[in-house]
């Protein structure tokens, strides 16, 4: 039997390492008594194989709560259900929650307690633990596969480096986009470009997306481009910090947070925008760039990871150095001040995205299978 494994390489899992975020400060010499009691409660739950889900809920609460009052509430309810209900953003971060929940309680407990020991009992985020667990599963699966399919040359290099997969067992097949469905949404939306210069971004708010660079670029541009508006679709762990950054710069409605939206609404947003920008430094492919091209939008993005494989620099968009808000601002100003350039890049994007449509990608997948 032929076995294949596909690595999407979106940077949120183990195969393509995403940003680790800021360095964790050294922990204080003594942890609060409440934290140690909560960890003991978690150990007791993990001792019972039927309590995996309750243990997971405690884990979520432990990882997300810092304040004394919330620790007391956690201890009053060891299952942490009340706290979990108040932490939808944390649960949303776990794209593979079902897989974690399928782990036996004993295995989950070992992974979590090892995580606590490694971080000296300092909670640093659910995503790090998820990535560690996923990476172990990924390595095991890849070692057994006859063919490993990745979404970009960049992802192929990372898989080779991290897992030692020989090049002859690797194949690159891009992520597909259903252009027929998107065109139907665009047609139904009947959206026209907004009257004010509008930049759209669509992203899960992880640190590696560096939406703060886009916000800072907007702060630079608001005195140079009248009535500029940046519209952000998506949510995630960075939401509160990004909103605080907007408030700190006094940007008002220059930056608008739309949260999660239905695809029909997203089609309207694509139709209203004049260009698309995502300054992410870690993408195994970047399906939102394909969506922007399908909408005919020119793109501003970073020259990093797999992005240059999707966004042809100077043809469908402008690529800038990573972590450079000034370059992002300059590129956006170039596009927003030149309607002809936007139109030319948008048309080229519509042609280029055809290579990522379902049929050509399916054909590439079949050709990549071992004989």
Protein backbone atom coordinates (compact mmCIF):
# COMPACT_ATOMS: atom_id res chain seq x y z
CA UNK A 1 0.00 0.00 0.00
CA UNK A 2 1.32 3.45 -0.92
CA UNK A 3 1.29 5.93 1.91
CA UNK A 4 1.46 9.70 1.45
CA UNK A 5 1.59 12.52 3.95
CA UNK A 6 0.75 16.09 3.05
CA UNK A 7 2.41 18.89 5.01
CA UNK A 8 0.41 22.09 4.61
CA UNK A 9 3.19 24.08 6.18
CA UNK A 10 1.10 27.01 7.39
CA UNK A 11 3.57 27.74 10.14
CA UNK A 12 1.13 26.89 12.91
CA UNK A 13 2.18 23.25 13.11
CA UNK A 14 5.38 21.35 13.56
CA UNK A 15 6.71 20.96 10.02
CA UNK A 16 7.18 24.61 9.25
CA UNK A 17 8.26 26.35 12.44
CA UNK A 18 6.52 29.63 13.07
CA UNK A 19 7.76 32.48 15.18
CA UNK A 20 8.43 31.62 18.76
CA UNK A 21 7.54 35.14 19.85
CA UNK A 22 9.46 37.25 22.34
CA UNK A 23 11.95 35.54 24.61
CA UNK A 24 10.41 34.36 27.85
CA UNK A 25 11.68 36.36 30.82
CA UNK A 26 13.30 34.39 33.67
CA UNK A 27 10.60 33.21 36.07
CA UNK A 28 10.35 34.70 39.53
CA UNK A 29 12.09 32.67 42.24
CA UNK A 30 8.78 31.57 43.77
CA UNK A 31 5.56 30.65 42.00
CA UNK A 32 2.23 31.58 43.59
CA UNK A 33 0.78 28.89 45.83
CA UNK A 34 -2.40 29.00 43.74
CA UNK A 35 -0.51 27.92 40.62
CA UNK A 36 1.10 24.93 42.34
CA UNK A 37 -2.25 23.85 43.78
CA UNK A 38 -3.81 24.10 40.32
CA UNK A 39 -1.05 21.94 38.84
CA UNK A 40 -1.65 19.32 41.56
CA UNK A 41 -5.36 19.37 40.67
CA UNK A 42 -4.40 18.79 37.05
CA UNK A 43 -2.18 15.84 38.00
CA UNK A 44 -5.09 14.26 39.88
CA UNK A 45 -7.37 14.61 36.87
CA UNK A 46 -4.74 13.11 34.57
CA UNK A 47 -4.52 10.04 36.79
CA UNK A 48 -8.01 9.07 35.59
CA UNK A 49 -8.19 8.06 31.89
CA UNK A 50 -11.83 9.21 31.79
CA UNK A 51 -10.89 12.77 32.74
CA UNK A 52 -8.89 13.81 29.67
CA UNK A 53 -11.41 16.44 28.61
CA UNK A 54 -11.67 17.94 32.09
CA UNK A 55 -7.87 18.01 32.30
CA UNK A 56 -7.73 19.78 28.96
CA UNK A 57 -10.12 22.43 30.23
CA UNK A 58 -7.96 23.00 33.28
CA UNK A 59 -4.95 23.27 30.99
CA UNK A 60 -6.68 25.99 28.97
CA UNK A 61 -7.59 27.88 32.12
CA UNK A 62 -4.12 27.55 33.61
CA UNK A 63 -2.44 28.72 30.45
CA UNK A 64 -4.63 31.76 29.94
CA UNK A 65 -5.14 33.18 33.41
CA UNK A 66 -2.66 35.24 35.36
CA UNK A 67 -4.72 37.25 37.83
CA UNK A 68 -5.21 36.20 41.43
CA UNK A 69 -8.98 36.45 41.19
CA UNK A 70 -9.10 34.06 38.25
CA UNK A 71 -6.80 31.60 39.98
CA UNK A 72 -9.23 31.55 42.90
CA UNK A 73 -12.11 30.87 40.53
CA UNK A 74 -10.10 28.08 38.92
CA UNK A 75 -9.50 26.47 42.31
CA UNK A 76 -13.18 26.76 43.18
CA UNK A 77 -13.97 24.78 40.03
CA UNK A 78 -11.12 22.35 39.25
CA UNK A 79 -12.65 21.53 35.88
CA UNK A 80 -12.20 25.14 34.80
CA UNK A 81 -15.42 25.12 32.77
CA UNK A 82 -16.41 28.64 33.82
CA UNK A 83 -13.01 30.00 32.87
CA UNK A 84 -12.92 28.18 29.55
CA UNK A 85 -16.25 29.75 28.64
CA UNK A 86 -14.58 33.15 29.04
CA UNK A 87 -11.58 32.19 26.88
CA UNK A 88 -12.95 31.68 23.33
CA UNK A 89 -9.85 33.24 21.80
CA UNK A 90 -7.64 30.66 23.50
CA UNK A 91 -9.77 27.78 22.30
CA UNK A 92 -9.78 29.28 18.81
CA UNK A 93 -5.98 29.06 18.78
CA UNK A 94 -6.15 25.28 18.95
CA UNK A 95 -6.79 24.37 15.33
CA UNK A 96 -6.16 20.73 16.25
CA UNK A 97 -8.04 20.53 19.54
CA UNK A 98 -9.78 17.30 18.51
CA UNK A 99 -6.43 15.61 17.92
CA UNK A 100 -5.16 16.71 21.32
CA UNK A 101 -8.37 15.48 22.93
CA UNK A 102 -7.87 12.07 21.33
CA UNK A 103 -4.61 11.58 23.24
CA UNK A 104 -4.79 9.18 26.17
CA UNK A 105 -4.85 11.01 29.47
CA UNK A 106 -1.49 9.55 30.44
CA UNK A 107 0.21 10.77 27.24
CA UNK A 108 -1.41 14.17 27.50
CA UNK A 109 -0.27 14.46 31.10
CA UNK A 110 3.33 13.57 30.29
CA UNK A 111 3.45 16.09 27.43
CA UNK A 112 1.93 18.87 29.49
CA UNK A 113 3.99 18.30 32.63
CA UNK A 114 7.17 18.11 30.54
CA UNK A 115 6.14 21.43 29.04
CA UNK A 116 5.68 22.92 32.51
CA UNK A 117 9.07 21.65 33.62
CA UNK A 118 10.80 23.00 30.50
CA UNK A 119 9.27 26.44 31.02
CA UNK A 120 9.87 26.33 34.79
CA UNK A 121 6.16 26.36 35.40
CA UNK A 122 5.76 29.61 33.53
CA UNK A 123 2.79 29.46 31.10
CA UNK A 124 3.81 30.78 27.70
CA UNK A 125 0.92 29.83 25.42
CA UNK A 126 -1.11 26.89 24.20
CA UNK A 127 0.31 27.05 20.70
CA UNK A 128 3.83 26.07 21.75
CA UNK A 129 2.62 22.84 23.35
CA UNK A 130 0.41 22.06 20.38
CA UNK A 131 3.32 22.54 17.99
CA UNK A 132 5.57 20.27 20.03
CA UNK A 133 3.00 17.47 20.10
CA UNK A 134 2.18 17.89 16.41
CA UNK A 135 5.87 17.85 15.46
CA UNK A 136 6.36 14.48 17.15
CA UNK A 137 3.36 13.00 15.36
CA UNK A 138 4.49 14.56 12.11
CA UNK A 139 7.99 13.07 12.32
CA UNK A 140 6.55 9.61 12.92
CA UNK A 141 4.14 9.90 9.99
CA UNK A 142 6.79 11.23 7.61
CA UNK A 143 9.19 8.42 8.41
CA UNK A 144 6.51 5.90 7.36
CA UNK A 145 5.38 7.70 4.18
CA UNK A 146 6.38 6.70 0.65
CA UNK A 147 5.86 10.27 -0.53
CA UNK A 148 5.77 13.51 1.44
CA UNK A 149 3.86 16.31 -0.27
CA UNK A 150 4.50 19.91 0.74
CA UNK A 151 2.97 23.13 -0.51
CA UNK A 152 6.12 25.04 -1.49
CA UNK A 153 9.84 24.73 -2.16
CA UNK A 154 10.37 26.58 1.09
CA UNK A 155 8.39 23.93 2.99
CA UNK A 156 10.39 21.22 1.23
CA UNK A 157 13.65 22.73 2.47
CA UNK A 158 12.30 22.95 6.01
CA UNK A 159 11.07 19.35 6.00
CA UNK A 160 14.46 18.20 4.71
CA UNK A 161 16.28 20.16 7.40
CA UNK A 162 14.03 19.23 10.32
CA UNK A 163 13.14 15.64 9.52
CA UNK A 164 15.89 14.50 7.19
CA UNK A 165 13.46 13.43 4.46
CA UNK A 166 15.45 12.67 1.28
CA UNK A 167 14.63 14.85 -1.69
CA UNK A 168 13.46 11.92 -3.81
CA UNK A 169 10.59 11.30 -1.38
CA UNK A 170 9.44 14.93 -1.48
CA UNK A 171 7.01 16.53 -3.90
CA UNK A 172 5.72 20.09 -4.07
CA UNK A 173 2.02 20.60 -4.76
CA UNK A 174 0.56 24.07 -4.05
CA UNK A 175 -2.56 24.64 -2.02
CA UNK A 176 -5.67 24.73 -4.22
CA UNK A 177 -8.25 27.47 -4.46
CA UNK A 178 -11.72 26.87 -5.88
CA UNK A 179 -11.91 29.75 -8.34
CA UNK A 180 -15.39 28.86 -9.54
CA UNK A 181 -16.80 29.23 -6.02
CA UNK A 182 -14.90 32.45 -5.36
CA UNK A 183 -16.05 33.95 -8.65
CA UNK A 184 -19.62 33.15 -7.72
CA UNK A 185 -19.16 34.95 -4.40
CA UNK A 186 -17.55 37.94 -6.11
CA UNK A 187 -20.38 38.10 -8.63
CA UNK A 188 -23.03 37.90 -5.89
CA UNK A 189 -21.26 40.59 -3.84
CA UNK A 190 -21.30 43.10 -6.69
CA UNK A 191 -18.93 45.19 -4.60
CA UNK A 192 -17.20 48.26 -6.00
CA UNK A 193 -13.98 49.82 -4.67
CA UNK A 194 -14.55 52.01 -1.64
CA UNK A 195 -14.51 55.79 -2.03
CA UNK A 196 -11.59 56.05 0.40
CA UNK A 197 -8.20 54.34 -0.23
CA UNK A 198 -8.67 50.91 1.33
CA UNK A 199 -6.16 48.22 2.27
CA UNK A 200 -7.45 44.77 3.22
CA UNK A 201 -5.73 42.08 5.24
CA UNK A 202 -7.05 38.63 6.18
CA UNK A 203 -5.23 36.63 8.84
CA UNK A 204 -5.31 34.67 12.05
CA UNK A 205 -3.77 37.06 14.54
CA UNK A 206 -0.60 35.17 15.42
CA UNK A 207 2.65 37.05 16.17
CA UNK A 208 4.28 35.74 12.99
CA UNK A 209 1.71 37.57 10.86
CA UNK A 210 3.17 40.89 12.10
CA UNK A 211 -0.03 42.82 11.67
CA UNK A 212 1.58 45.37 13.98
CA UNK A 213 3.87 46.31 11.07
CA UNK A 214 0.79 47.05 8.95
CA UNK A 215 -0.74 49.14 11.73
CA UNK A 216 2.47 51.13 12.17
CA UNK A 217 2.63 51.61 8.39
CA UNK A 218 -0.93 52.97 8.52
CA UNK A 219 0.15 55.43 11.22
CA UNK A 220 2.96 56.60 8.91
CA UNK A 221 0.62 56.94 5.93
CA UNK A 222 -2.41 58.66 7.38
CA UNK A 223 -0.84 62.11 6.91
CA UNK A 224 0.29 61.22 3.37
CA UNK A 225 -2.85 59.49 2.06
CA UNK A 226 -6.09 61.25 2.92
CA UNK A 227 -8.88 59.08 4.37
CA UNK A 228 -6.76 55.90 4.27
CA UNK A 229 -8.44 52.88 5.84
CA UNK A 230 -6.95 49.47 6.71
CA UNK A 231 -9.54 46.75 7.24
CA UNK A 232 -8.50 43.65 9.18
CA UNK A 233 -10.46 40.41 8.86
CA UNK A 234 -9.73 37.70 11.41
CA UNK A 235 -9.17 37.13 15.09
CA UNK A 236 -6.66 35.41 17.31
CA UNK A 237 -4.26 35.69 20.24
CA UNK A 238 -2.85 39.04 19.11
CA UNK A 239 -6.24 40.75 18.91
CA UNK A 240 -6.09 42.68 22.18
CA UNK A 241 -2.50 43.79 21.68
CA UNK A 242 -3.22 44.99 18.13
CA UNK A 243 -6.30 46.91 19.23
CA UNK A 244 -4.25 48.54 21.97
CA UNK A 245 -1.63 49.50 19.38
CA UNK A 246 -4.28 51.18 17.24
CA UNK A 247 -5.56 53.09 20.26
CA UNK A 248 -2.03 54.10 21.28
CA UNK A 249 -1.44 55.63 17.85
CA UNK A 250 -4.85 57.31 17.89
CA UNK A 251 -5.77 55.80 14.54
CA UNK A 252 -9.54 55.83 15.03
CA UNK A 253 -11.28 54.44 11.95
CA UNK A 254 -8.03 54.43 9.96
CA UNK A 255 -7.81 50.81 11.14
CA UNK A 256 -11.00 48.76 11.43
CA UNK A 257 -11.21 45.30 13.00
CA UNK A 258 -13.91 43.16 11.39
CA UNK A 259 -13.33 39.88 13.25
CA UNK A 260 -14.31 36.58 11.69
CA UNK A 261 -16.69 36.96 8.75
CA UNK A 262 -18.62 34.68 6.41
CA UNK A 263 -17.14 34.06 2.99
CA UNK A 264 -19.91 36.09 1.37
CA UNK A 265 -18.92 39.08 3.54
CA UNK A 266 -15.25 38.47 2.83
CA UNK A 267 -16.01 38.62 -0.89
CA UNK A 268 -17.50 42.07 -0.34
CA UNK A 269 -14.35 43.15 1.51
CA UNK A 270 -12.13 41.91 -1.30
CA UNK A 271 -14.30 43.81 -3.78
CA UNK A 272 -14.13 47.08 -1.81
CA UNK A 273 -10.36 47.07 -1.31
CA UNK A 274 -7.79 48.76 -3.53
CA UNK A 275 -4.95 46.46 -2.47
CA UNK A 276 -4.13 43.60 -0.13
CA UNK A 277 -1.36 43.53 2.48
CA UNK A 278 -0.10 40.83 4.82
CA UNK A 279 3.43 41.37 6.25
CA UNK A 280 3.73 37.80 7.54
CA UNK A 281 7.23 36.35 7.85
CA UNK A 282 6.15 32.70 8.04
CA UNK A 283 3.94 31.13 5.40
CA UNK A 284 4.19 27.62 4.02
CA UNK A 285 2.05 28.84 1.12
CA UNK A 286 -0.38 31.66 1.94
CA UNK A 287 -3.83 30.90 0.57
CA UNK A 288 -5.06 34.44 1.27
CA UNK A 289 -2.62 35.71 -1.36
CA UNK A 290 -4.33 33.43 -3.89
CA UNK A 291 -7.72 34.78 -2.78
CA UNK A 292 -6.50 38.35 -3.23
CA UNK A 293 -5.25 37.54 -6.72
CA UNK A 294 -8.60 35.94 -7.55
CA UNK A 295 -10.20 39.23 -6.53
CA UNK A 296 -7.84 41.17 -8.79
CA UNK A 297 -6.04 42.93 -5.94
CA UNK A 298 -2.36 43.89 -6.08
CA UNK A 299 -0.44 42.67 -3.02
CA UNK A 300 2.09 44.00 -0.55
CA UNK A 301 3.88 41.25 1.34
CA UNK A 302 7.26 40.27 2.78
CA UNK A 303 10.15 38.65 1.02
CA UNK A 304 10.12 35.69 3.40
CA UNK A 305 9.34 31.97 3.64
CA UNK A 306 7.13 30.75 0.74
CA UNK A 307 5.61 34.16 -0.02
CA UNK A 308 7.86 34.92 -3.06
CA UNK A 309 6.78 31.59 -4.61
CA UNK A 310 3.17 32.73 -4.56
CA UNK A 311 3.45 36.51 -4.95
CA UNK A 312 5.65 37.25 -7.96
CA UNK A 313 7.49 40.45 -7.01
CA UNK A 314 6.88 43.32 -9.42
CA UNK A 315 4.24 41.35 -11.32
CA UNK A 316 1.33 40.70 -8.96
CA UNK A 317 2.58 42.75 -6.03
CA UNK A 318 5.44 44.41 -4.21
CA UNK A 319 7.61 42.47 -1.76
CA UNK A 320 9.42 44.22 1.07
CA UNK A 321 11.96 43.25 3.70
CA UNK A 322 10.53 41.47 6.74
CA UNK A 323 9.82 43.56 9.84
CA UNK A 324 10.00 46.86 7.99
CA UNK A 325 6.89 49.03 8.55
CA UNK A 326 8.51 51.88 6.58
CA UNK A 327 8.93 49.66 3.51
CA UNK A 328 5.36 48.43 3.91
CA UNK A 329 4.18 52.04 4.02
CA UNK A 330 6.19 52.95 0.91
CA UNK A 331 4.88 49.97 -1.06
CA UNK A 332 1.28 50.71 -0.07
CA UNK A 333 1.71 54.36 -1.03
CA UNK A 334 3.11 53.28 -4.41
CA UNK A 335 0.07 51.15 -5.14
CA UNK A 336 -2.57 53.45 -3.73
CA UNK A 337 -1.25 56.42 -5.73
CA UNK A 338 -1.07 54.56 -9.07
CA UNK A 339 -4.36 53.21 -10.41
CA UNK A 340 -2.72 51.92 -13.59
CA UNK A 341 -0.16 49.88 -11.64
CA UNK A 342 -2.90 48.45 -9.45
CA UNK A 343 -4.91 47.44 -12.50
CA UNK A 344 -1.93 45.81 -14.26
CA UNK A 345 -0.88 43.86 -11.19
CA UNK A 346 -4.47 42.85 -10.48
CA UNK A 347 -4.90 41.49 -14.00
CA UNK A 348 -1.64 39.59 -13.79
CA UNK A 349 -2.74 38.18 -10.44
CA UNK A 350 -5.97 36.88 -11.97
CA UNK A 351 -3.92 35.08 -14.63
CA UNK A 352 -1.41 33.69 -12.17
CA UNK A 353 -3.97 32.32 -9.70
CA UNK A 354 -5.30 30.02 -12.45
CA UNK A 355 -2.31 27.75 -11.71
CA UNK A 356 -3.69 27.20 -8.20
CA UNK A 357 -7.19 26.24 -9.33
CA UNK A 358 -8.57 22.81 -8.39
CA UNK A 359 -7.92 20.97 -11.64
CA UNK A 360 -4.24 21.90 -12.17
CA UNK A 361 -3.46 21.30 -8.49
CA UNK A 362 -5.27 17.93 -8.54
CA UNK A 363 -3.27 17.01 -11.65
CA UNK A 364 -0.05 17.95 -9.89
CA UNK A 365 -1.05 15.85 -6.89
CA UNK A 366 -1.66 12.76 -9.03
CA UNK A 367 1.62 13.24 -10.84
CA UNK A 368 3.41 13.49 -7.50
CA UNK A 369 2.22 10.08 -6.28
CA UNK A 370 4.84 7.32 -6.37
CA UNK A 371 4.50 4.84 -9.23
